[in-house]
Amino acid sequence: MPSMTNKTRRPLTIPLPLGKKLHLGPGHSADIPANAAEHPAVRKLIDAGEIAIEAAGPGGGDGYAGGNKGRASRGHTSFIGRRSGDR
């Protein structure tokens, strides 16, 4: 999956195919669909030098990247239960 980088010092709203928009802050990058690089509005921004597109490397982009799923661990935590029922 290709990556798009904002080369300006201002946030951009980039129109993508199928009526979607990508909000990209200054100097930030995001993954985009492969067909988005040929979209006329994206081509106009590339020609103006406002964004740059980097192609995915030989081993990346198509597979599942894994990552930490679920809640992040915060070290040792203890559970203090509430009293319930008849007292």
N, C-alpha and C. Protein backbone atom coordinates (compact mmCIF):
# COMPACT_ATOMS: atom_id res chain seq x y z
N MET A 1 0.85 -1.17 0.00
CA MET A 1 0.00 0.00 0.00
C MET A 1 0.90 1.23 0.00
N PRO A 2 0.69 2.15 -0.93
CA PRO A 2 1.53 3.36 -0.98
C PRO A 2 1.27 4.29 0.19
N SER A 3 2.21 5.17 0.42
CA SER A 3 2.12 6.13 1.51
C SER A 3 2.16 7.55 0.94
N MET A 4 1.34 8.45 1.50
CA MET A 4 1.28 9.83 1.07
C MET A 4 1.82 10.71 2.19
N THR A 5 2.68 11.69 1.85
CA THR A 5 3.26 12.59 2.84
C THR A 5 2.94 14.03 2.49
N ASN A 6 2.52 14.80 3.50
CA ASN A 6 2.25 16.23 3.34
C ASN A 6 3.58 16.97 3.42
N LYS A 7 3.96 17.68 2.38
CA LYS A 7 5.22 18.40 2.32
C LYS A 7 5.08 19.88 2.69
N THR A 8 3.88 20.32 3.01
CA THR A 8 3.65 21.73 3.32
C THR A 8 3.69 21.97 4.82
N ARG A 9 3.57 23.24 5.22
CA ARG A 9 3.53 23.60 6.63
C ARG A 9 2.11 23.88 7.10
N ARG A 10 1.12 23.40 6.34
CA ARG A 10 -0.27 23.59 6.71
C ARG A 10 -1.02 22.27 6.55
N PRO A 11 -2.10 22.08 7.28
CA PRO A 11 -2.88 20.85 7.12
C PRO A 11 -3.59 20.84 5.77
N LEU A 12 -3.71 19.66 5.18
CA LEU A 12 -4.36 19.51 3.89
C LEU A 12 -5.56 18.58 4.01
N THR A 13 -6.59 18.86 3.23
CA THR A 13 -7.72 17.95 3.05
C THR A 13 -7.62 17.46 1.62
N ILE A 14 -7.31 16.18 1.46
CA ILE A 14 -7.04 15.61 0.15
C ILE A 14 -8.22 14.76 -0.29
N PRO A 15 -8.88 15.12 -1.42
CA PRO A 15 -9.98 14.31 -1.91
C PRO A 15 -9.46 13.00 -2.50
N LEU A 16 -10.09 11.90 -2.13
CA LEU A 16 -9.73 10.58 -2.61
C LEU A 16 -10.88 10.01 -3.44
N PRO A 17 -10.63 8.92 -4.16
CA PRO A 17 -11.71 8.29 -4.92
C PRO A 17 -12.88 7.87 -4.02
N LEU A 18 -14.03 7.71 -4.62
CA LEU A 18 -15.27 7.30 -3.95
C LEU A 18 -15.78 8.34 -2.96
N GLY A 19 -15.41 9.61 -3.17
CA GLY A 19 -15.93 10.69 -2.34
C GLY A 19 -15.33 10.79 -0.95
N LYS A 20 -14.25 10.08 -0.68
CA LYS A 20 -13.62 10.14 0.64
C LYS A 20 -12.60 11.27 0.69
N LYS A 21 -12.27 11.70 1.92
CA LYS A 21 -11.28 12.75 2.11
C LYS A 21 -10.27 12.30 3.14
N LEU A 22 -9.03 12.72 2.94
CA LEU A 22 -7.94 12.42 3.86
C LEU A 22 -7.46 13.74 4.46
N HIS A 23 -7.52 13.85 5.79
CA HIS A 23 -7.02 15.03 6.48
C HIS A 23 -5.60 14.72 6.94
N LEU A 24 -4.64 15.49 6.44
CA LEU A 24 -3.24 15.20 6.67
C LEU A 24 -2.54 16.43 7.20
N GLY A 25 -1.99 16.32 8.41
CA GLY A 25 -1.30 17.43 9.04
C GLY A 25 0.06 17.69 8.41
N PRO A 26 0.67 18.83 8.75
CA PRO A 26 1.97 19.19 8.18
C PRO A 26 3.05 18.16 8.52
N GLY A 27 3.72 17.64 7.51
CA GLY A 27 4.80 16.69 7.70
C GLY A 27 4.35 15.28 8.02
N HIS A 28 3.06 15.02 8.12
CA HIS A 28 2.57 13.69 8.44
C HIS A 28 2.37 12.87 7.17
N SER A 29 2.29 11.55 7.35
CA SER A 29 2.05 10.66 6.23
C SER A 29 0.97 9.66 6.60
N ALA A 30 0.36 9.07 5.57
CA ALA A 30 -0.71 8.09 5.77
C ALA A 30 -0.70 7.11 4.61
N ASP A 31 -1.16 5.90 4.88
CA ASP A 31 -1.31 4.90 3.83
C ASP A 31 -2.58 5.21 3.04
N ILE A 32 -2.50 5.01 1.74
CA ILE A 32 -3.64 5.27 0.86
C ILE A 32 -3.87 4.06 -0.02
N PRO A 33 -5.07 3.89 -0.57
CA PRO A 33 -5.31 2.80 -1.51
C PRO A 33 -4.46 2.98 -2.78
N ALA A 34 -4.15 1.88 -3.45
CA ALA A 34 -3.29 1.91 -4.62
C ALA A 34 -3.87 2.76 -5.74
N ASN A 35 -5.20 2.78 -5.89
CA ASN A 35 -5.81 3.53 -6.99
C ASN A 35 -5.91 5.02 -6.70
N ALA A 36 -5.63 5.47 -5.50
CA ALA A 36 -5.77 6.88 -5.14
C ALA A 36 -4.69 7.74 -5.78
N ALA A 37 -3.54 7.18 -6.11
CA ALA A 37 -2.45 7.96 -6.69
C ALA A 37 -2.79 8.45 -8.09
N GLU A 38 -3.71 7.78 -8.78
CA GLU A 38 -4.11 8.19 -10.13
C GLU A 38 -5.30 9.13 -10.14
N HIS A 39 -5.87 9.42 -8.98
CA HIS A 39 -7.02 10.31 -8.89
C HIS A 39 -6.61 11.71 -9.34
N PRO A 40 -7.42 12.40 -10.17
CA PRO A 40 -7.02 13.71 -10.71
C PRO A 40 -6.68 14.75 -9.65
N ALA A 41 -7.43 14.81 -8.57
CA ALA A 41 -7.16 15.80 -7.52
C ALA A 41 -5.83 15.51 -6.82
N VAL A 42 -5.52 14.24 -6.62
CA VAL A 42 -4.25 13.85 -6.00
C VAL A 42 -3.10 14.16 -6.95
N ARG A 43 -3.28 13.88 -8.24
CA ARG A 43 -2.25 14.18 -9.24
C ARG A 43 -1.93 15.67 -9.26
N LYS A 44 -2.96 16.51 -9.11
CA LYS A 44 -2.76 17.96 -9.10
C LYS A 44 -1.89 18.39 -7.92
N LEU A 45 -2.12 17.79 -6.73
CA LEU A 45 -1.33 18.11 -5.55
C LEU A 45 0.11 17.60 -5.67
N ILE A 46 0.28 16.45 -6.32
CA ILE A 46 1.62 15.90 -6.54
C ILE A 46 2.41 16.83 -7.47
N ASP A 47 1.76 17.26 -8.56
CA ASP A 47 2.43 18.15 -9.52
C ASP A 47 2.78 19.50 -8.90
N ALA A 48 1.98 19.96 -7.94
CA ALA A 48 2.24 21.23 -7.26
C ALA A 48 3.33 21.09 -6.19
N GLY A 49 3.72 19.85 -5.86
CA GLY A 49 4.75 19.62 -4.87
C GLY A 49 4.25 19.68 -3.44
N GLU A 50 2.93 19.65 -3.24
CA GLU A 50 2.38 19.73 -1.89
C GLU A 50 2.39 18.39 -1.18
N ILE A 51 2.29 17.29 -1.94
CA ILE A 51 2.34 15.96 -1.34
C ILE A 51 3.33 15.10 -2.13
N ALA A 52 3.79 14.04 -1.50
CA ALA A 52 4.66 13.08 -2.15
C ALA A 52 4.11 11.69 -1.89
N ILE A 53 4.25 10.80 -2.86
CA ILE A 53 3.78 9.42 -2.75
C ILE A 53 4.99 8.51 -2.77
N GLU A 54 5.10 7.64 -1.77
CA GLU A 54 6.16 6.63 -1.73
C GLU A 54 5.50 5.27 -1.89
N ALA A 55 6.02 4.46 -2.79
CA ALA A 55 5.48 3.12 -3.01
C ALA A 55 5.89 2.21 -1.85
N ALA A 56 5.09 1.18 -1.62
CA ALA A 56 5.40 0.21 -0.56
C ALA A 56 6.64 -0.58 -0.95
N GLY A 57 7.41 -0.95 0.05
CA GLY A 57 8.63 -1.72 -0.18
C GLY A 57 8.32 -3.13 -0.62
N PRO A 58 9.36 -3.94 -0.89
CA PRO A 58 9.15 -5.29 -1.40
C PRO A 58 8.47 -6.23 -0.40
N GLY A 59 8.61 -5.99 0.89
CA GLY A 59 8.03 -6.93 1.84
C GLY A 59 6.88 -6.36 2.64
N GLY A 60 6.34 -5.23 2.26
CA GLY A 60 5.34 -4.65 3.14
C GLY A 60 4.08 -4.24 2.45
N GLY A 61 3.09 -3.99 3.30
CA GLY A 61 1.89 -3.41 2.79
C GLY A 61 0.73 -4.36 2.65
N ASP A 62 0.96 -5.60 2.21
CA ASP A 62 -0.17 -6.46 1.91
C ASP A 62 -0.57 -7.36 3.07
N GLY A 63 0.35 -7.68 3.95
CA GLY A 63 0.06 -8.60 5.04
C GLY A 63 -0.40 -7.91 6.29
N TYR A 64 -0.80 -8.71 7.24
CA TYR A 64 -1.23 -8.17 8.53
C TYR A 64 0.01 -7.83 9.34
N ALA A 65 0.06 -6.64 9.87
CA ALA A 65 1.26 -6.17 10.56
C ALA A 65 1.30 -6.62 12.01
N GLY A 66 0.26 -7.23 12.49
CA GLY A 66 0.25 -7.68 13.88
C GLY A 66 -0.05 -6.53 14.80
N GLY A 67 0.86 -6.25 15.69
CA GLY A 67 0.66 -5.14 16.61
C GLY A 67 0.03 -5.60 17.89
N ASN A 68 -0.17 -4.69 18.78
CA ASN A 68 -0.73 -5.00 20.08
C ASN A 68 -2.24 -4.91 19.99
N LYS A 69 -2.90 -6.01 20.19
CA LYS A 69 -4.35 -6.05 20.07
C LYS A 69 -4.95 -5.97 21.46
N GLY A 70 -6.01 -5.24 21.60
CA GLY A 70 -6.68 -5.16 22.89
C GLY A 70 -6.12 -4.07 23.76
N ARG A 71 -6.26 -4.24 25.07
CA ARG A 71 -5.84 -3.21 26.02
C ARG A 71 -4.34 -3.25 26.25
N ALA A 72 -3.76 -2.09 26.44
CA ALA A 72 -2.34 -2.00 26.71
C ALA A 72 -2.07 -2.39 28.17
N SER A 73 -0.96 -3.06 28.40
CA SER A 73 -0.59 -3.45 29.74
C SER A 73 0.01 -2.25 30.47
N ARG A 74 -0.38 -2.07 31.72
CA ARG A 74 0.15 -0.96 32.52
C ARG A 74 0.88 -1.47 33.75
N GLY A 75 1.54 -2.56 33.62
CA GLY A 75 2.25 -3.11 34.76
C GLY A 75 1.30 -3.88 35.67
N HIS A 76 1.70 -4.06 36.91
CA HIS A 76 0.90 -4.82 37.87
C HIS A 76 -0.27 -3.97 38.36
N THR A 77 -1.44 -4.50 38.20
CA THR A 77 -2.63 -3.83 38.72
C THR A 77 -3.36 -4.81 39.62
N SER A 78 -4.01 -4.30 40.62
CA SER A 78 -4.76 -5.17 41.51
C SER A 78 -6.23 -4.83 41.41
N PHE A 79 -7.04 -5.82 41.69
CA PHE A 79 -8.48 -5.64 41.63
C PHE A 79 -9.01 -5.57 43.05
N ILE A 80 -9.66 -4.48 43.36
CA ILE A 80 -10.28 -4.34 44.67
C ILE A 80 -11.78 -4.41 44.45
N GLY A 81 -12.36 -5.50 44.91
CA GLY A 81 -13.78 -5.73 44.66
C GLY A 81 -14.68 -4.94 45.60
N ARG A 82 -15.89 -4.71 45.16
CA ARG A 82 -16.89 -4.06 46.00
C ARG A 82 -17.65 -5.11 46.75
N ARG A 83 -18.09 -4.72 47.92
CA ARG A 83 -18.96 -5.61 48.68
C ARG A 83 -20.34 -5.58 48.05
N SER A 84 -20.93 -6.72 47.97
CA SER A 84 -22.27 -6.77 47.41
C SER A 84 -23.08 -7.80 48.20
N GLY A 85 -24.34 -7.77 48.00
CA GLY A 85 -25.21 -8.73 48.69
C GLY A 85 -25.70 -8.20 50.01
N ASP A 86 -26.25 -9.10 50.86
CA ASP A 86 -26.78 -8.71 52.17
C ASP A 86 -25.63 -8.40 53.11
N ARG A 87 -25.80 -7.36 53.91
CA ARG A 87 -24.78 -7.00 54.89
C ARG A 87 -25.37 -6.99 56.26
